[in-house]
């Protein structure tokens, strides 16, 4: 996990509590905090290079967002377990919210967005080419949220953000087990084309199809083990 960035004289930075919160969110979204493996506040603080107090505040916020759970017996933190029922709910919620964000983004798409998406998609291809799942996770998140942020739908965007916090650790586990060879099919080119044409319906279809690939891989992993995917 990367350390929370420190203040420089060249540019202002957010307050320490917000920086730690952002660092932990990023670690969850990209799967660097694995499910089912307890970690302590002190170990997180040491990894981030900060005192335990801002970590405690950030953890409290993430528990409220259901991205982390606390074991009442030993106070250790972990990502929530993924059951078939929980996965079904997350799949439904993502299928409702994320295609709608893409549809709302389409009429507002411009050349700058298309170029940014093409760059993000090139980053995904580069990660796949070298088998770098961590880099793939970060680039894939960047691609989707370039689209979603353009929607201007703040409520839906906040919900999508929360869903990625909850699903990120399990994406990383499943994709790590699959390797990048199972990730070379997506619908990003169709999404880019739809946004270039400002076609809301086509953008929604492309994102819905893209989500289905990852969620199906997770469903298969849960069915195979009868519980959450095994973690490293």
Protein backbone atom coordinates (compact mmCIF):
# COMPACT_ATOMS: atom_id res chain seq x y z
CA UNK A 1 0.00 0.00 0.00
CA UNK A 2 1.33 3.41 -0.93
CA UNK A 3 1.92 5.94 1.80
CA UNK A 4 -0.42 8.89 2.10
CA UNK A 5 1.15 11.80 0.17
CA UNK A 6 2.89 14.43 2.25
CA UNK A 7 2.47 18.16 1.94
CA UNK A 8 4.81 20.03 -0.38
CA UNK A 9 5.48 23.72 -0.74
CA UNK A 10 4.38 23.72 -4.36
CA UNK A 11 0.74 22.72 -3.95
CA UNK A 12 -1.77 22.48 -1.11
CA UNK A 13 -2.93 19.00 -0.10
CA UNK A 14 -6.03 17.77 1.72
CA UNK A 15 -6.05 17.39 5.49
CA UNK A 16 -4.27 14.32 6.85
CA UNK A 17 -7.53 12.54 7.72
CA UNK A 18 -8.81 12.99 4.16
CA UNK A 19 -5.53 11.83 2.63
CA UNK A 20 -5.50 8.67 4.74
CA UNK A 21 -9.14 8.01 3.88
CA UNK A 22 -8.36 8.43 0.17
CA UNK A 23 -5.37 6.08 0.44
CA UNK A 24 -7.43 3.37 2.13
CA UNK A 25 -10.27 3.78 -0.37
CA UNK A 26 -7.81 3.36 -3.22
CA UNK A 27 -6.37 0.24 -1.55
CA UNK A 28 -9.86 -1.27 -1.30
CA UNK A 29 -10.96 -0.35 -4.81
CA UNK A 30 -7.84 -1.86 -6.34
CA UNK A 31 -7.94 -4.90 -4.06
CA UNK A 32 -4.78 -4.28 -2.06
CA UNK A 33 -6.68 -5.01 1.17
CA UNK A 34 -7.72 -8.65 0.65
CA UNK A 35 -10.98 -10.04 2.03
CA UNK A 36 -10.88 -12.31 5.03
CA UNK A 37 -7.43 -11.29 6.21
CA UNK A 38 -7.47 -9.21 9.37
CA UNK A 39 -5.23 -6.17 9.68
CA UNK A 40 -4.74 -3.85 12.62
CA UNK A 41 -4.99 -0.08 12.82
CA UNK A 42 -1.33 0.08 13.77
CA UNK A 43 -0.19 -1.96 10.78
CA UNK A 44 -2.22 0.23 8.42
CA UNK A 45 -0.78 3.34 10.06
CA UNK A 46 2.75 1.98 9.66
CA UNK A 47 2.19 1.20 5.97
CA UNK A 48 0.84 4.70 5.35
CA UNK A 49 3.52 6.38 7.44
CA UNK A 50 1.07 8.17 9.73
CA UNK A 51 -0.13 7.96 13.33
CA UNK A 52 -3.05 5.64 14.21
CA UNK A 53 -5.47 8.53 14.85
CA UNK A 54 -6.22 9.53 11.21
CA UNK A 55 -6.38 5.84 10.29
CA UNK A 56 -8.97 5.29 13.03
CA UNK A 57 -11.08 8.11 11.62
CA UNK A 58 -10.79 6.81 8.06
CA UNK A 59 -11.66 3.28 9.15
CA UNK A 60 -14.75 4.55 10.94
CA UNK A 61 -15.93 6.14 7.72
CA UNK A 62 -15.23 3.02 5.68
CA UNK A 63 -17.07 0.80 8.17
CA UNK A 64 -20.07 3.12 7.82
CA UNK A 65 -19.82 2.67 4.05
CA UNK A 66 -19.74 -1.13 4.53
CA UNK A 67 -16.36 -1.35 2.85
CA UNK A 68 -14.65 -2.66 6.02
CA UNK A 69 -15.76 -4.71 9.00
CA UNK A 70 -14.30 -4.91 12.49
CA UNK A 71 -13.95 -8.23 14.29
CA UNK A 72 -15.47 -7.57 17.74
CA UNK A 73 -13.20 -10.15 19.39
CA UNK A 74 -9.79 -8.86 18.31
CA UNK A 75 -10.67 -5.46 16.75
CA UNK A 76 -8.92 -6.39 13.52
CA UNK A 77 -10.19 -5.05 10.21
CA UNK A 78 -11.03 -6.84 6.99
CA UNK A 79 -13.13 -6.53 3.87
CA UNK A 80 -16.57 -8.12 4.37
CA UNK A 81 -17.02 -11.74 3.33
CA UNK A 82 -18.64 -12.27 -0.05
CA UNK A 83 -21.60 -14.64 -0.03
CA UNK A 84 -23.75 -15.61 -3.00
CA UNK A 85 -26.55 -13.39 -1.69
CA UNK A 86 -24.26 -10.40 -1.24
CA UNK A 87 -22.81 -10.89 -4.71
CA UNK A 88 -26.30 -11.05 -6.21
CA UNK A 89 -27.21 -7.73 -4.56
CA UNK A 90 -23.99 -6.07 -5.70
CA UNK A 91 -24.54 -7.36 -9.24
CA UNK A 92 -28.08 -5.99 -9.33
CA UNK A 93 -27.04 -2.64 -7.92
CA UNK A 94 -24.16 -2.23 -10.36
CA UNK A 95 -26.44 -3.22 -13.25
CA UNK A 96 -28.95 -0.54 -12.27
CA UNK A 97 -26.56 2.30 -11.51
CA UNK A 98 -23.47 2.10 -13.72
CA UNK A 99 -25.19 1.78 -17.14
CA UNK A 100 -27.39 4.73 -16.15
CA UNK A 101 -24.29 6.79 -15.37
CA UNK A 102 -22.89 5.92 -18.80
CA UNK A 103 -26.15 6.90 -20.47
CA UNK A 104 -26.13 10.26 -18.68
CA UNK A 105 -22.50 10.81 -19.62
CA UNK A 106 -23.02 10.21 -23.34
CA UNK A 107 -24.69 13.54 -24.23
CA UNK A 108 -21.86 15.35 -22.40
CA UNK A 109 -19.00 13.45 -24.01
CA UNK A 110 -16.38 15.52 -25.82
CA UNK A 111 -13.00 15.08 -27.45
CA UNK A 112 -11.15 15.43 -24.15
CA UNK A 113 -13.15 12.60 -22.59
CA UNK A 114 -12.65 10.32 -25.59
CA UNK A 115 -8.91 10.92 -25.54
CA UNK A 116 -8.74 10.25 -21.80
CA UNK A 117 -10.70 7.02 -22.21
CA UNK A 118 -8.46 5.87 -25.05
CA UNK A 119 -5.40 6.55 -22.88
CA UNK A 120 -6.93 4.65 -19.96
CA UNK A 121 -7.82 1.74 -22.22
CA UNK A 122 -4.26 1.70 -23.56
CA UNK A 123 -3.09 1.47 -19.96
CA UNK A 124 -5.35 -1.54 -19.47
CA UNK A 125 -3.89 -3.22 -22.56
CA UNK A 126 -0.36 -2.51 -21.33
CA UNK A 127 -1.16 -4.09 -17.96
CA UNK A 128 -2.65 -7.15 -19.62
CA UNK A 129 0.38 -7.52 -21.87
CA UNK A 130 2.72 -7.89 -18.89
CA UNK A 131 0.30 -9.79 -16.64
CA UNK A 132 0.08 -7.00 -14.05
CA UNK A 133 -3.26 -7.47 -12.27
CA UNK A 134 -2.69 -4.57 -9.84
CA UNK A 135 -2.05 -2.16 -12.68
CA UNK A 136 -5.04 -3.57 -14.55
CA UNK A 137 -7.30 -2.95 -11.55
CA UNK A 138 -6.22 0.68 -11.25
CA UNK A 139 -6.56 1.36 -14.98
CA UNK A 140 -9.94 -0.34 -15.21
CA UNK A 141 -11.28 1.75 -12.32
CA UNK A 142 -9.92 4.90 -13.97
CA UNK A 143 -11.65 4.04 -17.24
CA UNK A 144 -15.06 3.54 -15.67
CA UNK A 145 -14.97 6.58 -13.45
CA UNK A 146 -13.86 8.87 -16.26
CA UNK A 147 -17.24 8.03 -17.75
CA UNK A 148 -19.25 8.12 -14.56
CA UNK A 149 -17.92 11.47 -13.39
CA UNK A 150 -18.93 13.02 -16.70
CA UNK A 151 -22.58 12.10 -15.97
CA UNK A 152 -23.05 14.95 -13.50
CA UNK A 153 -25.29 12.65 -11.45
CA UNK A 154 -23.77 13.10 -8.00
CA UNK A 155 -26.14 10.77 -6.12
CA UNK A 156 -25.67 7.91 -8.58
CA UNK A 157 -21.92 8.55 -8.71
CA UNK A 158 -21.69 8.27 -4.92
CA UNK A 159 -23.56 4.95 -5.04
CA UNK A 160 -21.27 3.59 -7.76
CA UNK A 161 -18.27 4.66 -5.73
CA UNK A 162 -19.58 2.74 -2.72
CA UNK A 163 -20.22 -0.36 -4.82
CA UNK A 164 -16.65 -0.37 -6.14
CA UNK A 165 -15.37 -0.07 -2.57
CA UNK A 166 -17.29 -3.21 -1.66
CA UNK A 167 -16.48 -5.24 -4.74
CA UNK A 168 -12.84 -4.22 -5.31
CA UNK A 169 -11.18 -6.68 -2.89
CA UNK A 170 -13.02 -9.62 -4.46
CA UNK A 171 -12.29 -8.50 -8.00
CA UNK A 172 -8.60 -8.55 -7.10
CA UNK A 173 -8.81 -12.05 -5.62
CA UNK A 174 -10.69 -13.53 -8.58
CA UNK A 175 -8.64 -11.74 -11.22
CA UNK A 176 -5.43 -12.67 -9.40
CA UNK A 177 -6.45 -16.34 -9.54
CA UNK A 178 -7.54 -16.13 -13.18
CA UNK A 179 -4.49 -14.25 -14.35
CA UNK A 180 -4.73 -11.57 -16.99
CA UNK A 181 -5.42 -14.03 -19.80
CA UNK A 182 -9.03 -14.16 -18.62
CA UNK A 183 -9.38 -10.37 -18.75
CA UNK A 184 -8.59 -9.69 -22.38
CA UNK A 185 -12.25 -9.46 -23.43
CA UNK A 186 -14.13 -6.31 -22.50
CA UNK A 187 -16.54 -3.81 -24.01
CA UNK A 188 -14.44 -0.69 -23.60
CA UNK A 189 -14.09 -0.05 -27.33
CA UNK A 190 -17.87 -0.23 -27.72
CA UNK A 191 -18.30 2.17 -24.81
CA UNK A 192 -15.84 4.63 -26.34
CA UNK A 193 -17.59 4.43 -29.71
CA UNK A 194 -20.98 5.02 -28.11
CA UNK A 195 -19.71 8.02 -26.20
CA UNK A 196 -18.05 9.42 -29.31
CA UNK A 197 -21.46 9.21 -31.02
CA UNK A 198 -23.20 10.52 -27.88
CA UNK A 199 -25.46 7.48 -28.05
CA UNK A 200 -26.83 7.05 -24.51
CA UNK A 201 -28.52 3.69 -25.11
CA UNK A 202 -25.42 2.17 -26.71
CA UNK A 203 -23.19 3.50 -23.92
CA UNK A 204 -25.46 1.89 -21.31
CA UNK A 205 -25.44 -1.43 -23.18
CA UNK A 206 -21.66 -1.45 -23.47
CA UNK A 207 -21.11 -0.78 -19.79
CA UNK A 208 -23.75 -3.35 -18.79
CA UNK A 209 -22.03 -5.97 -20.95
CA UNK A 210 -18.62 -5.02 -19.55
CA UNK A 211 -19.83 -5.37 -15.96
CA UNK A 212 -21.36 -8.76 -16.71
CA UNK A 213 -17.95 -10.24 -17.57
CA UNK A 214 -16.36 -9.48 -14.21
CA UNK A 215 -19.42 -10.25 -12.13
CA UNK A 216 -19.89 -13.60 -13.87
CA UNK A 217 -16.29 -14.53 -13.05
CA UNK A 218 -16.96 -13.69 -9.41
CA UNK A 219 -20.22 -15.65 -9.38
CA UNK A 220 -18.43 -18.71 -10.75
CA UNK A 221 -15.74 -18.37 -8.08
CA UNK A 222 -18.32 -18.14 -5.29
CA UNK A 223 -20.23 -21.16 -6.62
CA UNK A 224 -17.04 -23.17 -6.95
CA UNK A 225 -15.98 -22.60 -3.35
CA UNK A 226 -19.43 -22.29 -1.80
CA UNK A 227 -18.33 -19.05 -0.17
CA UNK A 228 -16.08 -16.09 -0.85
CA UNK A 229 -13.25 -16.66 -3.31
CA UNK A 230 -10.10 -17.97 -1.63
CA UNK A 231 -7.55 -15.26 -0.83
CA UNK A 232 -3.80 -15.40 -0.99
